[in-house]
Each structure stands twice: as C-alpha cells, then as structure tokens.
Amino acid sequence: MARLLSSNAVLKAIATLPAALSSRNVIGSFYPSGLKYSTSVPGDPDTHQDFRPTNKIQSSDVSLKDVVEQDVKENPVMIYMKGVPDFPQCGFSSLAVRVLKHYNVPLSARNILEDPELKSAVKTFSHWPTFPQIFIKGEFIGGSDIILNMHQNGELKEKLKDIVGSPKLE
C-alpha cells in the first residue's frame, strides 16, 4: 500500500542525496510550500547566455528612443503593454486591449516584458511611469484607466473616428 509523503519529508530525503551534498552553492530557500529559487547564479559557468533577457529591437545604428518615436509616428494606435494583444499578461493591459478592440481599429503593440531597456525608453519618451501606455495618432493618451474613461464619456470614439478600419464606431 502506498503512503503519502509530506513535502518536507521529500525535501529532506533529496537533501541527503550525494548530488545535494556537493560543495556547490545554490541560491534558494526552503518554504512550507517547497523550494523557492533563482535561476541566475552569479559567476556560475552553467548559467547560459541564451537564458538572459536580450534586446531584440536595438541594432548598432538605431536607438530605442528612435524605435519608440518611429512606433508612435507610424502606427495610428500604439500600445506598449505587458504581453501581446492576443495574450495580455496583466489586467490593465487586458482592459486597454478590450476597450480598443471594441472600436475595431488597427492595433500595434510591443511587449515591454521582453526588453527592460525598451520599457525604460518608453517611460522616458512619455514621462509616464506605468503600463500599459497608449498612443493615438502620435499623442500619448495614458493607460487603461484613461482609455476606459474616454470610452465611457465618448471621447475615445471621437479620437478614433478617422482611423481606417473602424466601421464599428456607431
């Protein structure tokens, strides 16, 4: 008959294995719910460069400031958000996308979670600390709370009325 082991008993048993007794240090702490750990071990030759965040946008001749300026200039509706429009990774980003999709306008977006330097560049560009950040026709509008308020009072409909692809604007 099988016996259910508590998580502490399992962790104690694992700790006695020869590999666990090695002299190698691991960053981590035991909690009642299990082991919490960091995947980044400073100076560890086993931490591979492929797993560190990379800047996918910036090339040697284009700055992130230029990328943000170009995004805002070339896209009638631009949102810098956590996640992507089809899979937002925060409630505020999700709300902003749902409100904007209601108007059936072409929506351009960048995921700020992929690049911490892009996140900083957007904050510097807009002088606004939080995300999502929505730009309409080159103008910084604000976040999800502002978009929702504008939607509720009719201002957003007016702002988006001349953007191509918006037949839903009744």
N, C-alpha and C. Protein backbone atom coordinates (compact mmCIF):
# COMPACT_ATOMS: atom_id res chain seq x y z
N MET A 1 0.85 -1.18 0.00
CA MET A 1 0.00 0.00 0.00
C MET A 1 0.89 1.24 0.00
N ALA A 2 0.57 2.19 -0.87
CA ALA A 2 1.36 3.41 -1.00
C ALA A 2 1.07 4.35 0.17
N ARG A 3 2.10 5.07 0.55
CA ARG A 3 1.96 6.02 1.63
C ARG A 3 2.30 7.41 1.10
N LEU A 4 1.48 8.40 1.45
CA LEU A 4 1.69 9.77 1.02
C LEU A 4 2.77 10.42 1.87
N LEU A 5 3.77 10.96 1.21
CA LEU A 5 4.85 11.63 1.93
C LEU A 5 4.60 13.13 1.95
N SER A 6 4.90 13.76 3.05
CA SER A 6 4.78 15.22 3.11
C SER A 6 5.89 15.84 2.28
N SER A 7 5.68 17.07 1.84
CA SER A 7 6.70 17.73 1.01
C SER A 7 7.99 17.93 1.80
N ASN A 8 7.91 18.15 3.11
CA ASN A 8 9.12 18.30 3.92
C ASN A 8 9.91 17.00 3.96
N ALA A 9 9.22 15.87 4.05
CA ALA A 9 9.91 14.58 4.07
C ALA A 9 10.63 14.34 2.75
N VAL A 10 10.00 14.67 1.67
CA VAL A 10 10.60 14.50 0.35
C VAL A 10 11.83 15.40 0.22
N LEU A 11 11.70 16.67 0.63
CA LEU A 11 12.82 17.59 0.54
C LEU A 11 13.99 17.15 1.41
N LYS A 12 13.71 16.63 2.60
CA LYS A 12 14.78 16.13 3.48
C LYS A 12 15.47 14.92 2.86
N ALA A 13 14.70 14.06 2.20
CA ALA A 13 15.28 12.89 1.55
C ALA A 13 16.16 13.31 0.38
N ILE A 14 15.72 14.29 -0.37
CA ILE A 14 16.51 14.78 -1.51
C ILE A 14 17.80 15.42 -1.01
N ALA A 15 17.73 16.11 0.11
CA ALA A 15 18.90 16.79 0.67
C ALA A 15 20.00 15.81 1.07
N THR A 16 19.66 14.55 1.30
CA THR A 16 20.67 13.56 1.70
C THR A 16 21.33 12.89 0.50
N LEU A 17 20.85 13.13 -0.71
CA LEU A 17 21.46 12.53 -1.89
C LEU A 17 22.85 13.10 -2.11
N PRO A 18 23.76 12.30 -2.67
CA PRO A 18 25.15 12.77 -2.88
C PRO A 18 25.25 14.06 -3.68
N ALA A 19 24.43 14.22 -4.70
CA ALA A 19 24.48 15.45 -5.51
C ALA A 19 24.11 16.67 -4.68
N ALA A 20 23.20 16.50 -3.74
CA ALA A 20 22.77 17.62 -2.91
C ALA A 20 23.82 17.99 -1.88
N LEU A 21 24.71 17.06 -1.57
CA LEU A 21 25.73 17.31 -0.56
C LEU A 21 27.01 17.90 -1.15
N SER A 22 27.01 18.17 -2.45
CA SER A 22 28.21 18.72 -3.10
C SER A 22 28.52 20.09 -2.53
N SER A 23 29.70 20.58 -2.83
CA SER A 23 30.14 21.88 -2.29
C SER A 23 29.57 23.06 -3.08
N ARG A 24 28.82 22.80 -4.12
CA ARG A 24 28.28 23.87 -4.97
C ARG A 24 27.16 24.62 -4.23
N ASN A 25 27.22 25.94 -4.25
CA ASN A 25 26.20 26.76 -3.61
C ASN A 25 25.04 27.00 -4.57
N VAL A 26 23.85 26.96 -4.05
CA VAL A 26 22.66 27.24 -4.84
C VAL A 26 21.87 28.31 -4.11
N ILE A 27 21.40 29.29 -4.87
CA ILE A 27 20.59 30.34 -4.26
C ILE A 27 19.18 29.80 -4.12
N GLY A 28 18.70 29.72 -2.90
CA GLY A 28 17.35 29.21 -2.68
C GLY A 28 17.03 29.15 -1.21
N SER A 29 15.77 29.04 -0.90
CA SER A 29 15.32 28.96 0.48
C SER A 29 14.19 27.95 0.57
N PHE A 30 14.13 27.26 1.70
CA PHE A 30 13.04 26.33 1.90
C PHE A 30 11.85 27.07 2.51
N TYR A 31 10.68 26.82 1.97
CA TYR A 31 9.43 27.37 2.47
C TYR A 31 8.48 26.21 2.69
N PRO A 32 7.45 26.39 3.51
CA PRO A 32 6.50 25.29 3.72
C PRO A 32 5.91 24.76 2.41
N SER A 33 5.77 25.61 1.41
CA SER A 33 5.18 25.18 0.14
C SER A 33 6.22 24.57 -0.80
N GLY A 34 7.48 24.57 -0.42
CA GLY A 34 8.51 23.99 -1.28
C GLY A 34 9.72 24.90 -1.39
N LEU A 35 10.54 24.66 -2.38
CA LEU A 35 11.78 25.39 -2.59
C LEU A 35 11.55 26.56 -3.52
N LYS A 36 11.94 27.74 -3.10
CA LYS A 36 11.91 28.92 -3.96
C LYS A 36 13.36 29.14 -4.41
N TYR A 37 13.56 29.40 -5.69
CA TYR A 37 14.92 29.50 -6.18
C TYR A 37 15.08 30.56 -7.25
N SER A 38 16.31 30.91 -7.49
CA SER A 38 16.64 31.84 -8.56
C SER A 38 17.39 31.08 -9.63
N THR A 39 17.08 31.32 -10.89
CA THR A 39 17.76 30.63 -11.98
C THR A 39 19.06 31.31 -12.36
N SER A 40 19.30 32.47 -11.83
CA SER A 40 20.52 33.19 -12.14
C SER A 40 21.49 33.05 -10.98
N VAL A 41 22.57 32.33 -11.21
CA VAL A 41 23.59 32.14 -10.19
C VAL A 41 24.82 32.91 -10.63
N PRO A 42 25.14 34.00 -9.91
CA PRO A 42 26.28 34.83 -10.32
C PRO A 42 27.57 34.02 -10.40
N GLY A 43 28.30 34.19 -11.51
CA GLY A 43 29.58 33.53 -11.68
C GLY A 43 29.49 32.03 -11.97
N ASP A 44 28.29 31.50 -12.14
CA ASP A 44 28.12 30.08 -12.40
C ASP A 44 28.35 29.81 -13.88
N PRO A 45 29.33 28.97 -14.21
CA PRO A 45 29.59 28.69 -15.62
C PRO A 45 28.45 27.94 -16.30
N ASP A 46 27.53 27.36 -15.51
CA ASP A 46 26.39 26.63 -16.09
C ASP A 46 25.23 27.55 -16.45
N THR A 47 25.27 28.81 -16.06
CA THR A 47 24.22 29.76 -16.44
C THR A 47 24.53 30.23 -17.84
N HIS A 48 23.70 29.86 -18.78
CA HIS A 48 23.96 30.12 -20.20
C HIS A 48 23.41 31.47 -20.64
N GLN A 49 24.12 32.13 -21.52
CA GLN A 49 23.72 33.44 -22.05
C GLN A 49 22.35 33.40 -22.72
N ASP A 50 21.97 32.26 -23.30
CA ASP A 50 20.70 32.15 -24.01
C ASP A 50 19.50 32.40 -23.12
N PHE A 51 19.67 32.27 -21.81
CA PHE A 51 18.54 32.40 -20.90
C PHE A 51 18.45 33.78 -20.27
N ARG A 52 19.34 34.66 -20.64
CA ARG A 52 19.28 36.03 -20.13
C ARG A 52 18.45 36.87 -21.08
N PRO A 53 17.74 37.91 -20.57
CA PRO A 53 16.95 38.78 -21.46
C PRO A 53 17.86 39.46 -22.48
N THR A 54 17.36 39.56 -23.69
CA THR A 54 18.13 40.22 -24.73
C THR A 54 17.31 41.34 -25.34
N ASN A 55 17.99 42.27 -25.91
CA ASN A 55 17.34 43.38 -26.60
C ASN A 55 17.14 42.96 -28.05
N LYS A 56 15.91 42.60 -28.41
CA LYS A 56 15.62 42.11 -29.76
C LYS A 56 15.43 43.24 -30.76
N ILE A 57 15.32 44.46 -30.29
CA ILE A 57 14.99 45.58 -31.16
C ILE A 57 16.24 46.32 -31.60
N GLN A 58 17.05 46.65 -30.65
CA GLN A 58 18.14 47.58 -30.89
C GLN A 58 19.23 46.98 -31.77
N SER A 59 19.63 47.72 -32.76
CA SER A 59 20.79 47.37 -33.55
C SER A 59 21.84 48.46 -33.31
N SER A 60 22.99 48.31 -33.89
CA SER A 60 24.06 49.26 -33.61
C SER A 60 23.75 50.67 -34.10
N ASP A 61 22.90 50.81 -35.12
CA ASP A 61 22.66 52.13 -35.67
C ASP A 61 21.29 52.73 -35.30
N VAL A 62 20.47 52.02 -34.53
CA VAL A 62 19.14 52.52 -34.16
C VAL A 62 18.99 52.48 -32.64
N SER A 63 18.68 53.63 -32.04
CA SER A 63 18.50 53.66 -30.59
C SER A 63 17.06 53.28 -30.24
N LEU A 64 16.84 52.88 -29.01
CA LEU A 64 15.48 52.54 -28.56
C LEU A 64 14.59 53.77 -28.58
N LYS A 65 15.15 54.93 -28.32
CA LYS A 65 14.38 56.17 -28.41
C LYS A 65 13.83 56.35 -29.82
N ASP A 66 14.68 56.07 -30.82
CA ASP A 66 14.26 56.16 -32.21
C ASP A 66 13.18 55.13 -32.54
N VAL A 67 13.30 53.94 -31.98
CA VAL A 67 12.31 52.88 -32.20
C VAL A 67 10.96 53.32 -31.66
N VAL A 68 10.94 53.87 -30.44
CA VAL A 68 9.69 54.33 -29.82
C VAL A 68 9.10 55.47 -30.65
N GLU A 69 9.92 56.44 -31.04
CA GLU A 69 9.44 57.55 -31.87
C GLU A 69 8.83 57.05 -33.18
N GLN A 70 9.50 56.11 -33.81
CA GLN A 70 9.01 55.55 -35.07
C GLN A 70 7.70 54.79 -34.85
N ASP A 71 7.62 53.98 -33.79
CA ASP A 71 6.39 53.25 -33.47
C ASP A 71 5.20 54.20 -33.35
N VAL A 72 5.40 55.24 -32.55
CA VAL A 72 4.33 56.19 -32.25
C VAL A 72 3.93 56.98 -33.50
N LYS A 73 4.92 57.33 -34.33
CA LYS A 73 4.67 58.11 -35.54
C LYS A 73 3.97 57.28 -36.62
N GLU A 74 4.38 56.02 -36.79
CA GLU A 74 3.90 55.21 -37.91
C GLU A 74 2.63 54.40 -37.61
N ASN A 75 2.24 54.28 -36.36
CA ASN A 75 1.08 53.45 -36.01
C ASN A 75 -0.01 54.32 -35.40
N PRO A 76 -1.19 54.36 -36.03
CA PRO A 76 -2.27 55.21 -35.53
C PRO A 76 -2.66 54.89 -34.08
N VAL A 77 -2.64 53.61 -33.72
CA VAL A 77 -2.90 53.21 -32.34
C VAL A 77 -1.75 52.30 -31.91
N MET A 78 -0.96 52.78 -30.97
CA MET A 78 0.21 52.04 -30.49
C MET A 78 0.07 51.84 -28.99
N ILE A 79 0.25 50.58 -28.56
CA ILE A 79 0.17 50.28 -27.13
C ILE A 79 1.44 49.53 -26.70
N TYR A 80 2.06 50.04 -25.66
CA TYR A 80 3.18 49.36 -25.01
C TYR A 80 2.56 48.69 -23.79
N MET A 81 2.67 47.38 -23.75
CA MET A 81 1.90 46.63 -22.75
C MET A 81 2.69 45.45 -22.21
N LYS A 82 2.16 44.85 -21.18
CA LYS A 82 2.70 43.61 -20.64
C LYS A 82 1.99 42.47 -21.37
N GLY A 83 2.73 41.78 -22.22
CA GLY A 83 2.16 40.75 -23.06
C GLY A 83 1.89 41.29 -24.45
N VAL A 84 1.02 40.59 -25.17
CA VAL A 84 0.62 41.00 -26.52
C VAL A 84 -0.90 41.05 -26.56
N PRO A 85 -1.48 41.74 -27.55
CA PRO A 85 -2.95 41.89 -27.56
C PRO A 85 -3.72 40.57 -27.47
N ASP A 86 -3.21 39.51 -28.10
CA ASP A 86 -3.91 38.23 -28.04
C ASP A 86 -3.67 37.48 -26.73
N PHE A 87 -2.66 37.89 -25.96
CA PHE A 87 -2.36 37.24 -24.69
C PHE A 87 -1.77 38.26 -23.71
N PRO A 88 -2.61 39.19 -23.22
CA PRO A 88 -2.11 40.18 -22.24
C PRO A 88 -1.67 39.47 -20.96
N GLN A 89 -0.64 40.01 -20.33
CA GLN A 89 -0.12 39.39 -19.11
C GLN A 89 -0.34 40.25 -17.88
N CYS A 90 -1.29 41.16 -17.96
CA CYS A 90 -1.71 41.90 -16.77
C CYS A 90 -3.12 42.41 -17.01
N GLY A 91 -3.86 42.60 -15.95
CA GLY A 91 -5.25 43.02 -16.06
C GLY A 91 -5.43 44.38 -16.70
N PHE A 92 -4.53 45.31 -16.43
CA PHE A 92 -4.64 46.65 -17.00
C PHE A 92 -4.39 46.61 -18.51
N SER A 93 -3.40 45.83 -18.94
CA SER A 93 -3.14 45.67 -20.37
C SER A 93 -4.33 45.00 -21.05
N SER A 94 -4.90 44.00 -20.39
CA SER A 94 -6.06 43.30 -20.93
C SER A 94 -7.24 44.25 -21.11
N LEU A 95 -7.49 45.08 -20.11
CA LEU A 95 -8.59 46.04 -20.18
C LEU A 95 -8.39 47.03 -21.34
N ALA A 96 -7.18 47.56 -21.47
CA ALA A 96 -6.90 48.51 -22.54
C ALA A 96 -7.13 47.88 -23.91
N VAL A 97 -6.67 46.65 -24.09
CA VAL A 97 -6.84 45.96 -25.38
C VAL A 97 -8.32 45.72 -25.66
N ARG A 98 -9.09 45.29 -24.65
CA ARG A 98 -10.52 45.04 -24.86
C ARG A 98 -11.25 46.32 -25.26
N VAL A 99 -10.92 47.43 -24.62
CA VAL A 99 -11.58 48.70 -24.97
C VAL A 99 -11.21 49.10 -26.39
N LEU A 100 -9.94 49.02 -26.74
CA LEU A 100 -9.51 49.42 -28.09
C LEU A 100 -10.06 48.49 -29.17
N LYS A 101 -10.14 47.19 -28.88
CA LYS A 101 -10.68 46.24 -29.86
C LYS A 101 -12.17 46.50 -30.11
N HIS A 102 -12.84 47.08 -29.16
CA HIS A 102 -14.26 47.41 -29.33
C HIS A 102 -14.46 48.33 -30.54
N TYR A 103 -13.45 49.15 -30.85
CA TYR A 103 -13.55 50.12 -31.94
C TYR A 103 -13.02 49.57 -33.26
N ASN A 104 -12.54 48.35 -33.26
CA ASN A 104 -12.09 47.68 -34.48
C ASN A 104 -11.05 48.50 -35.25
N VAL A 105 -10.13 49.11 -34.53
CA VAL A 105 -9.05 49.88 -35.17
C VAL A 105 -7.80 49.00 -35.25
N PRO A 106 -6.94 49.27 -36.24
CA PRO A 106 -5.68 48.52 -36.28
C PRO A 106 -4.86 48.85 -35.03
N LEU A 107 -4.44 47.82 -34.35
CA LEU A 107 -3.75 47.98 -33.07
C LEU A 107 -2.33 47.44 -33.19
N SER A 108 -1.34 48.30 -32.95
CA SER A 108 0.06 47.89 -32.93
C SER A 108 0.51 47.84 -31.48
N ALA A 109 1.35 46.87 -31.16
CA ALA A 109 1.75 46.71 -29.77
C ALA A 109 3.18 46.19 -29.66
N ARG A 110 3.80 46.50 -28.54
CA ARG A 110 5.09 45.91 -28.17
C ARG A 110 4.98 45.41 -26.73
N ASN A 111 5.58 44.24 -26.51
CA ASN A 111 5.59 43.62 -25.19
C ASN A 111 6.80 44.13 -24.42
N ILE A 112 6.56 44.96 -23.41
CA ILE A 112 7.66 45.55 -22.64
C ILE A 112 8.33 44.53 -21.72
N LEU A 113 7.69 43.38 -21.50
CA LEU A 113 8.30 42.36 -20.65
C LEU A 113 9.48 41.67 -21.34
N GLU A 114 9.54 41.76 -22.66
CA GLU A 114 10.63 41.12 -23.40
C GLU A 114 11.93 41.91 -23.34
N ASP A 115 11.85 43.19 -23.03
CA ASP A 115 13.04 44.02 -23.10
C ASP A 115 12.99 45.13 -22.05
N PRO A 116 13.71 44.96 -20.94
CA PRO A 116 13.71 46.00 -19.89
C PRO A 116 14.20 47.36 -20.39
N GLU A 117 15.09 47.36 -21.36
CA GLU A 117 15.59 48.63 -21.89
C GLU A 117 14.51 49.35 -22.69
N LEU A 118 13.68 48.60 -23.41
CA LEU A 118 12.56 49.20 -24.13
C LEU A 118 11.58 49.82 -23.13
N LYS A 119 11.32 49.10 -22.06
CA LYS A 119 10.42 49.60 -21.01
C LYS A 119 10.90 50.96 -20.50
N SER A 120 12.19 51.07 -20.23
CA SER A 120 12.77 52.33 -19.75
C SER A 120 12.68 53.42 -20.81
N ALA A 121 12.94 53.05 -22.07
CA ALA A 121 12.88 54.03 -23.15
C ALA A 121 11.47 54.59 -23.32
N VAL A 122 10.46 53.74 -23.19
CA VAL A 122 9.07 54.19 -23.32
C VAL A 122 8.72 55.13 -22.16
N LYS A 123 9.13 54.78 -20.94
CA LYS A 123 8.87 55.65 -19.78
C LYS A 123 9.52 57.02 -19.98
N THR A 124 10.73 57.03 -20.49
CA THR A 124 11.43 58.29 -20.73
C THR A 124 10.73 59.10 -21.82
N PHE A 125 10.31 58.43 -22.87
CA PHE A 125 9.65 59.10 -24.00
C PHE A 125 8.34 59.76 -23.57
N SER A 126 7.54 59.05 -22.78
CA SER A 126 6.21 59.56 -22.41
C SER A 126 6.19 60.36 -21.11
N HIS A 127 7.26 60.22 -20.33
CA HIS A 127 7.31 60.82 -18.99
C HIS A 127 6.18 60.26 -18.13
N TRP A 128 5.91 58.96 -18.28
CA TRP A 128 4.84 58.30 -17.54
C TRP A 128 5.39 56.99 -17.00
N PRO A 129 5.17 56.68 -15.70
CA PRO A 129 5.85 55.54 -15.10
C PRO A 129 5.17 54.17 -15.24
N THR A 130 3.90 54.12 -15.60
CA THR A 130 3.19 52.85 -15.56
C THR A 130 2.79 52.35 -16.95
N PHE A 131 2.42 51.08 -17.00
CA PHE A 131 1.99 50.45 -18.25
C PHE A 131 0.64 49.80 -18.04
N PRO A 132 -0.16 49.71 -19.10
CA PRO A 132 0.13 49.99 -20.50
C PRO A 132 0.19 51.49 -20.78
N GLN A 133 0.83 51.81 -21.90
CA GLN A 133 0.87 53.18 -22.38
C GLN A 133 0.30 53.19 -23.79
N ILE A 134 -0.71 54.02 -24.01
CA ILE A 134 -1.40 54.06 -25.29
C ILE A 134 -1.15 55.40 -25.98
N PHE A 135 -0.79 55.31 -27.26
CA PHE A 135 -0.59 56.48 -28.10
C PHE A 135 -1.59 56.39 -29.25
N ILE A 136 -2.30 57.49 -29.51
CA ILE A 136 -3.24 57.55 -30.62
C ILE A 136 -2.85 58.73 -31.50
N LYS A 137 -2.60 58.42 -32.77
CA LYS A 137 -2.18 59.43 -33.75
C LYS A 137 -0.99 60.25 -33.25
N GLY A 138 -0.02 59.56 -32.67
CA GLY A 138 1.20 60.20 -32.22
C GLY A 138 1.11 60.89 -30.87
N GLU A 139 -0.05 60.91 -30.27
CA GLU A 139 -0.24 61.60 -28.98
C GLU A 139 -0.34 60.58 -27.85
N PHE A 140 0.40 60.83 -26.77
CA PHE A 140 0.30 59.96 -25.60
C PHE A 140 -1.03 60.21 -24.92
N ILE A 141 -1.83 59.17 -24.76
CA ILE A 141 -3.15 59.29 -24.16
C ILE A 141 -3.10 58.93 -22.67
N GLY A 142 -2.47 57.82 -22.34
CA GLY A 142 -2.40 57.38 -20.95
C GLY A 142 -2.49 55.87 -20.86
N GLY A 143 -3.04 55.41 -19.75
CA GLY A 143 -3.17 53.98 -19.51
C GLY A 143 -4.59 53.48 -19.65
N SER A 144 -4.85 52.31 -19.10
CA SER A 144 -6.16 51.67 -19.25
C SER A 144 -7.27 52.47 -18.58
N ASP A 145 -6.96 53.11 -17.46
CA ASP A 145 -7.99 53.90 -16.76
C ASP A 145 -8.44 55.08 -17.61
N ILE A 146 -7.50 55.73 -18.27
CA ILE A 146 -7.82 56.89 -19.13
C ILE A 146 -8.63 56.43 -20.34
N ILE A 147 -8.18 55.34 -20.97
CA ILE A 147 -8.88 54.81 -22.15
C ILE A 147 -10.31 54.42 -21.79
N LEU A 148 -10.47 53.77 -20.64
CA LEU A 148 -11.81 53.36 -20.20
C LEU A 148 -12.69 54.59 -19.96
N ASN A 149 -12.15 55.59 -19.30
CA ASN A 149 -12.90 56.82 -19.04
C ASN A 149 -13.29 57.51 -20.35
N MET A 150 -12.35 57.57 -21.29
CA MET A 150 -12.64 58.19 -22.59
C MET A 150 -13.71 57.40 -23.35
N HIS A 151 -13.66 56.08 -23.22
CA HIS A 151 -14.67 55.23 -23.86
C HIS A 151 -16.05 55.51 -23.27
N GLN A 152 -16.10 55.60 -21.95
CA GLN A 152 -17.38 55.80 -21.26
C GLN A 152 -18.00 57.16 -21.55
N ASN A 153 -17.18 58.19 -21.73
CA ASN A 153 -17.75 59.52 -21.99
C ASN A 153 -17.78 59.91 -23.47
N GLY A 154 -17.38 58.99 -24.36
CA GLY A 154 -17.49 59.23 -25.80
C GLY A 154 -16.28 59.88 -26.46
N GLU A 155 -15.29 60.29 -25.66
CA GLU A 155 -14.11 60.95 -26.22
C GLU A 155 -13.28 60.01 -27.08
N LEU A 156 -13.21 58.74 -26.70
CA LEU A 156 -12.39 57.78 -27.45
C LEU A 156 -12.98 57.55 -28.84
N LYS A 157 -14.28 57.47 -28.92
CA LYS A 157 -14.96 57.30 -30.22
C LYS A 157 -14.59 58.45 -31.15
N GLU A 158 -14.60 59.66 -30.63
CA GLU A 158 -14.27 60.86 -31.41
C GLU A 158 -12.79 60.82 -31.83
N LYS A 159 -11.92 60.41 -30.92
CA LYS A 159 -10.48 60.37 -31.19
C LYS A 159 -10.13 59.35 -32.28
N LEU A 160 -10.89 58.25 -32.32
CA LEU A 160 -10.59 57.16 -33.25
C LEU A 160 -11.40 57.21 -34.55
N LYS A 161 -12.29 58.16 -34.70
CA LYS A 161 -13.25 58.15 -35.81
C LYS A 161 -12.63 58.16 -37.20
N ASP A 162 -11.50 58.79 -37.40
CA ASP A 162 -10.91 58.87 -38.73
C ASP A 162 -9.78 57.85 -38.98
N ILE A 163 -9.65 56.87 -38.09
CA ILE A 163 -8.65 55.82 -38.28
C ILE A 163 -9.26 54.71 -39.13
N VAL A 164 -8.57 54.36 -40.22
CA VAL A 164 -9.06 53.36 -41.16
C VAL A 164 -9.26 52.02 -40.46
N GLY A 165 -10.32 51.34 -40.86
CA GLY A 165 -10.60 50.02 -40.29
C GLY A 165 -11.51 50.09 -39.10
N SER A 166 -12.26 51.17 -38.95
CA SER A 166 -13.11 51.30 -37.78
C SER A 166 -14.59 51.43 -38.12
N PRO A 167 -15.20 50.43 -38.82
CA PRO A 167 -16.62 50.53 -39.13
C PRO A 167 -17.52 50.32 -37.92
N LYS A 168 -16.95 49.85 -36.81
CA LYS A 168 -17.73 49.56 -35.61
C LYS A 168 -18.06 50.82 -34.82
N LEU A 169 -17.58 51.96 -35.24
CA LEU A 169 -17.80 53.20 -34.48
C LEU A 169 -19.23 53.71 -34.69
N GLU A 170 -20.17 53.18 -33.92
CA GLU A 170 -21.56 53.61 -34.04
C GLU A 170 -21.83 54.76 -33.11
